[in-house]
Amino acid sequence: MIEAGAVRGVPRDLARALVTQVLTGSAAWLRADRREVATLREKVCAPGGADIRRIAALDRHGVRAAVVSALGDAPPGLSPR
């Protein structure tokens, strides 16, 4: 996200500050609201809006699959039952 800002002309220190706030706010929301992430996403992403188009672009580029693959298998004791 910082790199995306930087290549669009946002100074890196500002891009870092903005990304830090986005991630901090997102983490706080996830901690406070126990609903499914998809439900939370629907609250902030307008159908056909910029945010949902960005998520679709991540999916087209395989980002979700890459993250799941990079994290590998769950450690013992954390596997779904």
PDB file of N, CA and C in Angstrom:
ATOM      1  N   MET A   1       0.829  -1.188   0.000  1.00  0.00           N
ATOM      2  CA  MET A   1       0.000   0.000   0.000  1.00  0.00           C
ATOM      3  C   MET A   1       0.876   1.256   0.000  1.00  0.00           C
ATOM      4  N   ILE A   2       1.962   1.211   0.755  1.00  0.00           N
ATOM      5  CA  ILE A   2       2.880   2.357   0.763  1.00  0.00           C
ATOM      6  C   ILE A   2       3.458   2.565  -0.634  1.00  0.00           C
ATOM      7  N   GLU A   3       3.870   1.473  -1.262  1.00  0.00           N
ATOM      8  CA  GLU A   3       4.430   1.556  -2.614  1.00  0.00           C
ATOM      9  C   GLU A   3       3.413   2.101  -3.603  1.00  0.00           C
ATOM     10  N   ALA A   4       2.155   1.697  -3.469  1.00  0.00           N
ATOM     11  CA  ALA A   4       1.111   2.193  -4.361  1.00  0.00           C
ATOM     12  C   ALA A   4       0.987   3.713  -4.244  1.00  0.00           C
ATOM     13  N   GLY A   5       1.053   4.212  -3.026  1.00  0.00           N
ATOM     14  CA  GLY A   5       1.018   5.660  -2.837  1.00  0.00           C
ATOM     15  C   GLY A   5       2.243   6.336  -3.420  1.00  0.00           C
ATOM     16  N   ALA A   6       3.397   5.740  -3.153  1.00  0.00           N
ATOM     17  CA  ALA A   6       4.658   6.343  -3.605  1.00  0.00           C
ATOM     18  C   ALA A   6       4.720   6.443  -5.126  1.00  0.00           C
ATOM     19  N   VAL A   7       4.283   5.404  -5.838  1.00  0.00           N
ATOM     20  CA  VAL A   7       4.345   5.459  -7.299  1.00  0.00           C
ATOM     21  C   VAL A   7       3.336   6.447  -7.873  1.00  0.00           C
ATOM     22  N   ARG A   8       2.389   6.881  -7.051  1.00  0.00           N
ATOM     23  CA  ARG A   8       1.415   7.888  -7.487  1.00  0.00           C
ATOM     24  C   ARG A   8       1.770   9.282  -6.981  1.00  0.00           C
ATOM     25  N   GLY A   9       2.985   9.419  -6.431  1.00  0.00           N
ATOM     26  CA  GLY A   9       3.468  10.734  -6.038  1.00  0.00           C
ATOM     27  C   GLY A   9       3.253  11.121  -4.589  1.00  0.00           C
ATOM     28  N   VAL A  10       2.714  10.227  -3.772  1.00  0.00           N
ATOM     29  CA  VAL A  10       2.537  10.526  -2.351  1.00  0.00           C
ATOM     30  C   VAL A  10       3.888  10.330  -1.672  1.00  0.00           C
ATOM     31  N   PRO A  11       4.359  11.314  -0.913  1.00  0.00           N
ATOM     32  CA  PRO A  11       5.629  11.127  -0.203  1.00  0.00           C
ATOM     33  C   PRO A  11       5.563   9.883   0.689  1.00  0.00           C
ATOM     34  N   ARG A  12       6.667   9.131   0.716  1.00  0.00           N
ATOM     35  CA  ARG A  12       6.669   7.860   1.447  1.00  0.00           C
ATOM     36  C   ARG A  12       6.294   8.018   2.921  1.00  0.00           C
ATOM     37  N   ASP A  13       6.741   9.079   3.567  1.00  0.00           N
ATOM     38  CA  ASP A  13       6.399   9.233   4.985  1.00  0.00           C
ATOM     39  C   ASP A  13       4.899   9.455   5.168  1.00  0.00           C
ATOM     40  N   LEU A  14       4.271  10.176   4.258  1.00  0.00           N
ATOM     41  CA  LEU A  14       2.826  10.374   4.323  1.00  0.00           C
ATOM     42  C   LEU A  14       2.100   9.071   3.975  1.00  0.00           C
ATOM     43  N   ALA A  15       2.572   8.379   2.942  1.00  0.00           N
ATOM     44  CA  ALA A  15       1.962   7.094   2.573  1.00  0.00           C
ATOM     45  C   ALA A  15       2.045   6.124   3.748  1.00  0.00           C
ATOM     46  N   ARG A  16       3.184   6.084   4.421  1.00  0.00           N
ATOM     47  CA  ARG A  16       3.336   5.188   5.576  1.00  0.00           C
ATOM     48  C   ARG A  16       2.356   5.566   6.686  1.00  0.00           C
ATOM     49  N   ALA A  17       2.223   6.856   6.956  1.00  0.00           N
ATOM     50  CA  ALA A  17       1.293   7.309   7.996  1.00  0.00           C
ATOM     51  C   ALA A  17      -0.149   6.946   7.643  1.00  0.00           C
ATOM     52  N   LEU A  18      -0.521   7.136   6.385  1.00  0.00           N
ATOM     53  CA  LEU A  18      -1.888   6.808   5.957  1.00  0.00           C
ATOM     54  C   LEU A  18      -2.150   5.308   6.054  1.00  0.00           C
ATOM     55  N   VAL A  19      -1.213   4.495   5.593  1.00  0.00           N
ATOM     56  CA  VAL A  19      -1.374   3.043   5.650  1.00  0.00           C
ATOM     57  C   VAL A  19      -1.450   2.576   7.100  1.00  0.00           C
ATOM     58  N   THR A  20      -0.626   3.151   7.951  1.00  0.00           N
ATOM     59  CA  THR A  20      -0.653   2.788   9.371  1.00  0.00           C
ATOM     60  C   THR A  20      -2.021   3.068   9.973  1.00  0.00           C
ATOM     61  N   GLN A  21      -2.614   4.200   9.636  1.00  0.00           N
ATOM     62  CA  GLN A  21      -3.938   4.535  10.151  1.00  0.00           C
ATOM     63  C   GLN A  21      -5.014   3.602   9.601  1.00  0.00           C
ATOM     64  N   VAL A  22      -4.921   3.270   8.318  1.00  0.00           N
ATOM     65  CA  VAL A  22      -5.896   2.348   7.718  1.00  0.00           C
ATOM     66  C   VAL A  22      -5.827   0.993   8.414  1.00  0.00           C
ATOM     67  N   LEU A  23      -4.621   0.473   8.595  1.00  0.00           N
ATOM     68  CA  LEU A  23      -4.466  -0.842   9.220  1.00  0.00           C
ATOM     69  C   LEU A  23      -4.853  -0.819  10.696  1.00  0.00           C
ATOM     70  N   THR A  24      -4.514   0.257  11.390  1.00  0.00           N
ATOM     71  CA  THR A  24      -4.897   0.383  12.803  1.00  0.00           C
ATOM     72  C   THR A  24      -6.412   0.427  12.946  1.00  0.00           C
ATOM     73  N   GLY A  25      -7.064   1.233  12.121  1.00  0.00           N
ATOM     74  CA  GLY A  25      -8.519   1.336  12.176  1.00  0.00           C
ATOM     75  C   GLY A  25      -9.196   0.026  11.804  1.00  0.00           C
ATOM     76  N   SER A  26      -8.664  -0.643  10.780  1.00  0.00           N
ATOM     77  CA  SER A  26      -9.238  -1.923  10.362  1.00  0.00           C
ATOM     78  C   SER A  26      -9.099  -2.965  11.465  1.00  0.00           C
ATOM     79  N   ALA A  27      -7.938  -3.029  12.083  1.00  0.00           N
ATOM     80  CA  ALA A  27      -7.717  -3.997  13.166  1.00  0.00           C
ATOM     81  C   ALA A  27      -8.639  -3.712  14.347  1.00  0.00           C
ATOM     82  N   ALA A  28      -8.802  -2.448  14.691  1.00  0.00           N
ATOM     83  CA  ALA A  28      -9.691  -2.085  15.807  1.00  0.00           C
ATOM     84  C   ALA A  28     -11.129  -2.480  15.493  1.00  0.00           C
ATOM     85  N   TRP A  29     -11.551  -2.266  14.259  1.00  0.00           N
ATOM     86  CA  TRP A  29     -12.915  -2.621  13.865  1.00  0.00           C
ATOM     87  C   TRP A  29     -13.115  -4.137  13.920  1.00  0.00           C
ATOM     88  N   LEU A  30     -12.145  -4.881  13.409  1.00  0.00           N
ATOM     89  CA  LEU A  30     -12.242  -6.342  13.454  1.00  0.00           C
ATOM     90  C   LEU A  30     -12.295  -6.858  14.886  1.00  0.00           C
ATOM     91  N   ARG A  31     -11.534  -6.219  15.772  1.00  0.00           N
ATOM     92  CA  ARG A  31     -11.518  -6.620  17.181  1.00  0.00           C
ATOM     93  C   ARG A  31     -12.849  -6.318  17.856  1.00  0.00           C
ATOM     94  N   ALA A  32     -13.442  -5.194  17.505  1.00  0.00           N
ATOM     95  CA  ALA A  32     -14.661  -4.730  18.182  1.00  0.00           C
ATOM     96  C   ALA A  32     -15.938  -5.370  17.631  1.00  0.00           C
ATOM     97  N   ASP A  33     -15.919  -5.747  16.382  1.00  0.00           N
ATOM     98  CA  ASP A  33     -17.132  -6.255  15.732  1.00  0.00           C
ATOM     99  C   ASP A  33     -16.905  -7.709  15.339  1.00  0.00           C
ATOM    100  N   ARG A  34     -17.647  -8.613  15.943  1.00  0.00           N
ATOM    101  CA  ARG A  34     -17.424 -10.046  15.754  1.00  0.00           C
ATOM    102  C   ARG A  34     -18.111 -10.622  14.511  1.00  0.00           C
ATOM    103  N   ARG A  35     -18.770  -9.772  13.716  1.00  0.00           N
ATOM    104  CA  ARG A  35     -19.415 -10.287  12.505  1.00  0.00           C
ATOM    105  C   ARG A  35     -18.363 -10.755  11.504  1.00  0.00           C
ATOM    106  N   GLU A  36     -18.816 -11.550  10.549  1.00  0.00           N
ATOM    107  CA  GLU A  36     -17.923 -12.051   9.499  1.00  0.00           C
ATOM    108  C   GLU A  36     -17.320 -10.876   8.723  1.00  0.00           C
ATOM    109  N   VAL A  37     -16.097 -11.067   8.268  1.00  0.00           N
ATOM    110  CA  VAL A  37     -15.405 -10.020   7.514  1.00  0.00           C
ATOM    111  C   VAL A  37     -16.200  -9.620   6.277  1.00  0.00           C
ATOM    112  N   ALA A  38     -16.820 -10.587   5.608  1.00  0.00           N
ATOM    113  CA  ALA A  38     -17.624 -10.267   4.414  1.00  0.00           C
ATOM    114  C   ALA A  38     -18.751  -9.301   4.761  1.00  0.00           C
ATOM    115  N   THR A  39     -19.351  -9.470   5.916  1.00  0.00           N
ATOM    116  CA  THR A  39     -20.421  -8.571   6.359  1.00  0.00           C
ATOM    117  C   THR A  39     -19.874  -7.170   6.593  1.00  0.00           C
ATOM    118  N   LEU A  40     -18.714  -7.079   7.218  1.00  0.00           N
ATOM    119  CA  LEU A  40     -18.099  -5.772   7.459  1.00  0.00           C
ATOM    120  C   LEU A  40     -17.725  -5.108   6.138  1.00  0.00           C
ATOM    121  N   ARG A  41     -17.188  -5.897   5.207  1.00  0.00           N
ATOM    122  CA  ARG A  41     -16.812  -5.356   3.903  1.00  0.00           C
ATOM    123  C   ARG A  41     -18.033  -4.773   3.201  1.00  0.00           C
ATOM    124  N   GLU A  42     -19.176  -5.455   3.296  1.00  0.00           N
ATOM    125  CA  GLU A  42     -20.401  -4.951   2.665  1.00  0.00           C
ATOM    126  C   GLU A  42     -20.824  -3.606   3.238  1.00  0.00           C
ATOM    127  N   LYS A  43     -20.478  -3.353   4.504  1.00  0.00           N
ATOM    128  CA  LYS A  43     -20.844  -2.083   5.133  1.00  0.00           C
ATOM    129  C   LYS A  43     -20.044  -0.910   4.578  1.00  0.00           C
ATOM    130  N   VAL A  44     -18.846  -1.159   4.049  1.00  0.00           N
ATOM    131  CA  VAL A  44     -18.003  -0.064   3.583  1.00  0.00           C
ATOM    132  C   VAL A  44     -17.811  -0.029   2.071  1.00  0.00           C
ATOM    133  N   CYS A  45     -18.155  -1.102   1.387  1.00  0.00           N
ATOM    134  CA  CYS A  45     -17.948  -1.167  -0.065  1.00  0.00           C
ATOM    135  C   CYS A  45     -19.279  -1.040  -0.795  1.00  0.00           C
ATOM    136  N   ALA A  46     -19.443   0.058  -1.501  1.00  0.00           N
ATOM    137  CA  ALA A  46     -20.642   0.233  -2.320  1.00  0.00           C
ATOM    138  C   ALA A  46     -20.570  -0.710  -3.511  1.00  0.00           C
ATOM    139  N   PRO A  47     -21.698  -1.321  -3.877  1.00  0.00           N
ATOM    140  CA  PRO A  47     -21.694  -2.184  -5.065  1.00  0.00           C
ATOM    141  C   PRO A  47     -21.192  -1.409  -6.276  1.00  0.00           C
ATOM    142  N   GLY A  48     -20.177  -1.933  -6.931  1.00  0.00           N
ATOM    143  CA  GLY A  48     -19.606  -1.274  -8.100  1.00  0.00           C
ATOM    144  C   GLY A  48     -18.721  -0.086  -7.770  1.00  0.00           C
ATOM    145  N   GLY A  49     -18.523   0.192  -6.491  1.00  0.00           N
ATOM    146  CA  GLY A  49     -17.712   1.338  -6.084  1.00  0.00           C
ATOM    147  C   GLY A  49     -16.215   1.063  -6.171  1.00  0.00           C
ATOM    148  N   ALA A  50     -15.444   2.090  -5.867  1.00  0.00           N
ATOM    149  CA  ALA A  50     -13.982   2.003  -5.981  1.00  0.00           C
ATOM    150  C   ALA A  50     -13.398   0.925  -5.080  1.00  0.00           C
ATOM    151  N   ASP A  51     -13.893   0.819  -3.843  1.00  0.00           N
ATOM    152  CA  ASP A  51     -13.314  -0.167  -2.923  1.00  0.00           C
ATOM    153  C   ASP A  51     -13.538  -1.596  -3.399  1.00  0.00           C
ATOM    154  N   ILE A  52     -14.733  -1.906  -3.826  1.00  0.00           N
ATOM    155  CA  ILE A  52     -15.018  -3.268  -4.279  1.00  0.00           C
ATOM    156  C   ILE A  52     -14.265  -3.563  -5.572  1.00  0.00           C
ATOM    157  N   ARG A  53     -14.049  -2.550  -6.414  1.00  0.00           N
ATOM    158  CA  ARG A  53     -13.237  -2.749  -7.624  1.00  0.00           C
ATOM    159  C   ARG A  53     -11.784  -3.030  -7.257  1.00  0.00           C
ATOM    160  N   ARG A  54     -11.301  -2.388  -6.212  1.00  0.00           N
ATOM    161  CA  ARG A  54      -9.923  -2.653  -5.759  1.00  0.00           C
ATOM    162  C   ARG A  54      -9.797  -4.082  -5.232  1.00  0.00           C
ATOM    163  N   ILE A  55     -10.787  -4.531  -4.482  1.00  0.00           N
ATOM    164  CA  ILE A  55     -10.764  -5.905  -3.979  1.00  0.00           C
ATOM    165  C   ILE A  55     -10.807  -6.885  -5.150  1.00  0.00           C
ATOM    166  N   ALA A  56     -11.618  -6.597  -6.152  1.00  0.00           N
ATOM    167  CA  ALA A  56     -11.695  -7.452  -7.339  1.00  0.00           C
ATOM    168  C   ALA A  56     -10.346  -7.498  -8.058  1.00  0.00           C
ATOM    169  N   ALA A  57      -9.655  -6.377  -8.116  1.00  0.00           N
ATOM    170  CA  ALA A  57      -8.328  -6.349  -8.752  1.00  0.00           C
ATOM    171  C   ALA A  57      -7.346  -7.229  -7.976  1.00  0.00           C
ATOM    172  N   LEU A  58      -7.399  -7.172  -6.651  1.00  0.00           N
ATOM    173  CA  LEU A  58      -6.539  -8.048  -5.845  1.00  0.00           C
ATOM    174  C   LEU A  58      -6.846  -9.512  -6.149  1.00  0.00           C
ATOM    175  N   ASP A  59      -8.127  -9.840  -6.254  1.00  0.00           N
ATOM    176  CA  ASP A  59      -8.519 -11.218  -6.565  1.00  0.00           C
ATOM    177  C   ASP A  59      -8.026 -11.628  -7.953  1.00  0.00           C
ATOM    178  N   ARG A  60      -8.147 -10.737  -8.938  1.00  0.00           N
ATOM    179  CA  ARG A  60      -7.678 -11.061 -10.296  1.00  0.00           C
ATOM    180  C   ARG A  60      -6.185 -11.359 -10.315  1.00  0.00           C
ATOM    181  N   HIS A  61      -5.450 -10.704  -9.438  1.00  0.00           N
ATOM    182  CA  HIS A  61      -3.995 -10.893  -9.376  1.00  0.00           C
ATOM    183  C   HIS A  61      -3.585 -12.000  -8.403  1.00  0.00           C
ATOM    184  N   GLY A  62      -4.559 -12.691  -7.838  1.00  0.00           N
ATOM    185  CA  GLY A  62      -4.263 -13.838  -6.994  1.00  0.00           C
ATOM    186  C   GLY A  62      -3.697 -13.505  -5.629  1.00  0.00           C
ATOM    187  N   VAL A  63      -3.944 -12.297  -5.134  1.00  0.00           N
ATOM    188  CA  VAL A  63      -3.367 -11.889  -3.852  1.00  0.00           C
ATOM    189  C   VAL A  63      -3.894 -12.753  -2.708  1.00  0.00           C
ATOM    190  N   ARG A  64      -5.181 -13.011  -2.672  1.00  0.00           N
ATOM    191  CA  ARG A  64      -5.764 -13.822  -1.599  1.00  0.00           C
ATOM    192  C   ARG A  64      -5.122 -15.212  -1.576  1.00  0.00           C
ATOM    193  N   ALA A  65      -5.021 -15.848  -2.750  1.00  0.00           N
ATOM    194  CA  ALA A  65      -4.418 -17.176  -2.840  1.00  0.00           C
ATOM    195  C   ALA A  65      -2.944 -17.135  -2.441  1.00  0.00           C
ATOM    196  N   ALA A  66      -2.246 -16.067  -2.818  1.00  0.00           N
ATOM    197  CA  ALA A  66      -0.832 -15.957  -2.462  1.00  0.00           C
ATOM    198  C   ALA A  66      -0.646 -15.835  -0.953  1.00  0.00           C
ATOM    199  N   VAL A  67      -1.504 -15.078  -0.299  1.00  0.00           N
ATOM    200  CA  VAL A  67      -1.405 -14.930   1.157  1.00  0.00           C
ATOM    201  C   VAL A  67      -1.687 -16.263   1.847  1.00  0.00           C
ATOM    202  N   VAL A  68      -2.744 -16.945   1.416  1.00  0.00           N
ATOM    203  CA  VAL A  68      -3.071 -18.243   2.012  1.00  0.00           C
ATOM    204  C   VAL A  68      -1.902 -19.208   1.814  1.00  0.00           C
ATOM    205  N   SER A  69      -1.338 -19.240   0.617  1.00  0.00           N
ATOM    206  CA  SER A  69      -0.212 -20.118   0.329  1.00  0.00           C
ATOM    207  C   SER A  69       1.010 -19.750   1.164  1.00  0.00           C
ATOM    208  N   ALA A  70       1.287 -18.461   1.277  1.00  0.00           N
ATOM    209  CA  ALA A  70       2.464 -18.014   2.032  1.00  0.00           C
ATOM    210  C   ALA A  70       2.363 -18.369   3.509  1.00  0.00           C
ATOM    211  N   LEU A  71       1.154 -18.356   4.045  1.00  0.00           N
ATOM    212  CA  LEU A  71       0.975 -18.680   5.458  1.00  0.00           C
ATOM    213  C   LEU A  71       1.077 -20.180   5.712  1.00  0.00           C
ATOM    214  N   GLY A  72       0.888 -20.977   4.675  1.00  0.00           N
ATOM    215  CA  GLY A  72       1.062 -22.416   4.793  1.00  0.00           C
ATOM    216  C   GLY A  72       0.044 -23.072   5.696  1.00  0.00           C
ATOM    217  N   ASP A  73       0.419 -24.247   6.165  1.00  0.00           N
ATOM    218  CA  ASP A  73      -0.463 -25.011   7.040  1.00  0.00           C
ATOM    219  C   ASP A  73      -0.559 -24.371   8.411  1.00  0.00           C
ATOM    220  N   ALA A  74      -1.711 -24.562   9.042  1.00  0.00           N
ATOM    221  CA  ALA A  74      -1.907 -24.049  10.405  1.00  0.00           C
ATOM    222  C   ALA A  74      -1.030 -24.837  11.369  1.00  0.00           C
ATOM    223  N   PRO A  75      -0.471 -24.166  12.384  1.00  0.00           N
ATOM    224  CA  PRO A  75       0.315 -24.877  13.389  1.00  0.00           C
ATOM    225  C   PRO A  75      -0.554 -25.904  14.118  1.00  0.00           C
ATOM    226  N   PRO A  76       0.058 -26.958  14.651  1.00  0.00           N
ATOM    227  CA  PRO A  76      -0.715 -27.939  15.413  1.00  0.00           C
ATOM    228  C   PRO A  76      -1.536 -27.246  16.490  1.00  0.00           C
ATOM    229  N   GLY A  77      -2.756 -27.702  16.661  1.00  0.00           N
ATOM    230  CA  GLY A  77      -3.638 -27.122  17.669  1.00  0.00           C
ATOM    231  C   GLY A  77      -4.504 -25.990  17.140  1.00  0.00           C
ATOM    232  N   LEU A  78      -4.151 -25.447  15.963  1.00  0.00           N
ATOM    233  CA  LEU A  78      -4.945 -24.362  15.387  1.00  0.00           C
ATOM    234  C   LEU A  78      -5.707 -24.812  14.155  1.00  0.00           C
ATOM    235  N   SER A  79      -5.567 -26.054  13.778  1.00  0.00           N
ATOM    236  CA  SER A  79      -6.274 -26.572  12.604  1.00  0.00           C
ATOM    237  C   SER A  79      -7.770 -26.628  12.888  1.00  0.00           C
ATOM    238  N   PRO A  80      -8.586 -26.363  11.852  1.00  0.00           N
ATOM    239  CA  PRO A  80     -10.040 -26.465  12.036  1.00  0.00           C
ATOM    240  C   PRO A  80     -10.398 -27.904  12.384  1.00  0.00           C
ATOM    241  N   ARG A  81     -11.440 -28.047  13.151  1.00  0.00           N
ATOM    242  CA  ARG A  81     -11.863 -29.387  13.578  1.00  0.00           C
ATOM    243  C   ARG A  81     -12.901 -29.941  12.656  1.00  0.00           C
TER     244      ARG A  81
END
